Amino acid sequence: MYPGQYPAVPAVSPGKTREQVPAELDAAIRAGEVPLIGLATAREDFPAEYPMAEPARDCAYGSEQPHELIPTRPSSHG
């Protein structure tokens, strides 16, 4: 296999349920062996399975309570 090539895996069709996705594709996605477009398709079809596709709600700028996500220390300068 040449750099940039990916193993042949079946495509994920919109509307398929988790049970209909071939195990080979699921394993390839989790192993990072699927092109980004294939990964994006799987994430759109299964957002709960691939939370990386969710908006960045847990970052400090997007959180409703950023103070809970940013570690703070008492000031040593008083």
Protein backbone atom coordinates (compact mmCIF):
# COMPACT_ATOMS: atom_id res chain seq x y z
CA MET A 1 0.00 0.00 0.00
CA TYR A 2 1.37 3.42 -0.95
CA PRO A 3 1.30 6.45 1.36
CA GLY A 4 -2.07 8.13 1.17
CA GLN A 5 -3.85 4.95 0.10
CA TYR A 6 -6.46 3.37 2.31
CA PRO A 7 -7.78 -0.16 2.52
CA ALA A 8 -10.94 -0.84 0.57
CA VAL A 9 -13.86 -0.53 2.96
CA PRO A 10 -17.57 -0.30 2.21
CA ALA A 11 -19.10 3.17 2.18
CA VAL A 12 -21.49 4.28 4.88
CA SER A 13 -24.78 5.29 3.33
CA PRO A 14 -26.88 7.99 5.02
CA GLY A 15 -29.77 6.56 6.96
CA LYS A 16 -28.12 3.26 7.84
CA THR A 17 -28.45 2.11 11.40
CA ARG A 18 -25.51 1.10 13.54
CA GLU A 19 -26.32 -2.57 12.95
CA GLN A 20 -26.16 -2.08 9.19
CA VAL A 21 -22.63 -0.67 9.19
CA PRO A 22 -20.11 -3.37 8.30
CA ALA A 23 -17.76 -4.29 11.12
CA GLU A 24 -14.77 -3.74 8.81
CA LEU A 25 -15.69 -0.11 8.28
CA ASP A 26 -16.31 0.46 11.97
CA ALA A 27 -12.91 -1.02 12.83
CA ALA A 28 -11.19 0.99 10.10
CA ILE A 29 -12.79 4.23 11.31
CA ARG A 30 -11.75 3.60 14.89
CA ALA A 31 -8.22 2.71 13.76
CA GLY A 32 -8.00 5.91 11.70
CA GLU A 33 -7.58 4.01 8.43
CA VAL A 34 -10.44 5.67 6.55
CA PRO A 35 -10.03 8.85 4.49
CA LEU A 36 -11.31 11.97 6.21
CA ILE A 37 -14.35 12.17 3.93
CA GLY A 38 -15.34 8.65 4.96
CA LEU A 39 -14.80 9.50 8.59
CA ALA A 40 -16.90 12.65 8.29
CA THR A 41 -19.72 10.65 6.70
CA ALA A 42 -19.67 8.13 9.52
CA ARG A 43 -19.68 10.89 12.10
CA GLU A 44 -22.67 12.57 10.47
CA ASP A 45 -24.58 9.28 10.39
CA PHE A 46 -23.61 8.30 13.93
CA PRO A 47 -22.94 11.48 15.94
CA ALA A 48 -23.38 9.69 19.28
CA GLU A 49 -20.80 7.08 18.25
CA TYR A 50 -18.28 9.67 17.04
CA PRO A 51 -18.54 12.63 19.41
CA MET A 52 -15.49 14.27 17.83
CA ALA A 53 -17.84 15.63 15.21
CA GLU A 54 -19.86 17.51 17.79
CA PRO A 55 -19.26 21.25 18.11
CA ALA A 56 -16.54 22.18 20.57
CA ARG A 57 -18.87 22.88 23.47
CA ASP A 58 -16.35 21.82 26.06
CA CYS A 59 -13.67 24.36 25.22
CA ALA A 60 -13.24 27.42 27.41
CA TYR A 61 -14.60 29.79 24.78
CA GLY A 62 -17.67 27.74 23.96
CA SER A 63 -18.60 26.58 27.42
CA GLU A 64 -21.33 28.15 29.45
CA GLN A 65 -19.14 27.74 32.53
CA PRO A 66 -15.54 28.13 31.41
CA HIS A 67 -14.30 28.59 34.97
CA GLU A 68 -14.92 24.89 35.56
CA LEU A 69 -12.64 23.94 32.68
CA ILE A 70 -9.69 26.26 33.26
CA PRO A 71 -7.49 25.10 36.15
CA THR A 72 -6.66 27.90 38.52
CA ARG A 73 -4.11 28.15 41.29
CA PRO A 74 -3.93 30.50 44.24
CA SER A 75 -1.60 33.36 43.52
CA SER A 76 1.77 33.04 45.23
CA HIS A 77 2.10 36.83 45.17
CA GLY A 78 -0.71 37.43 47.58
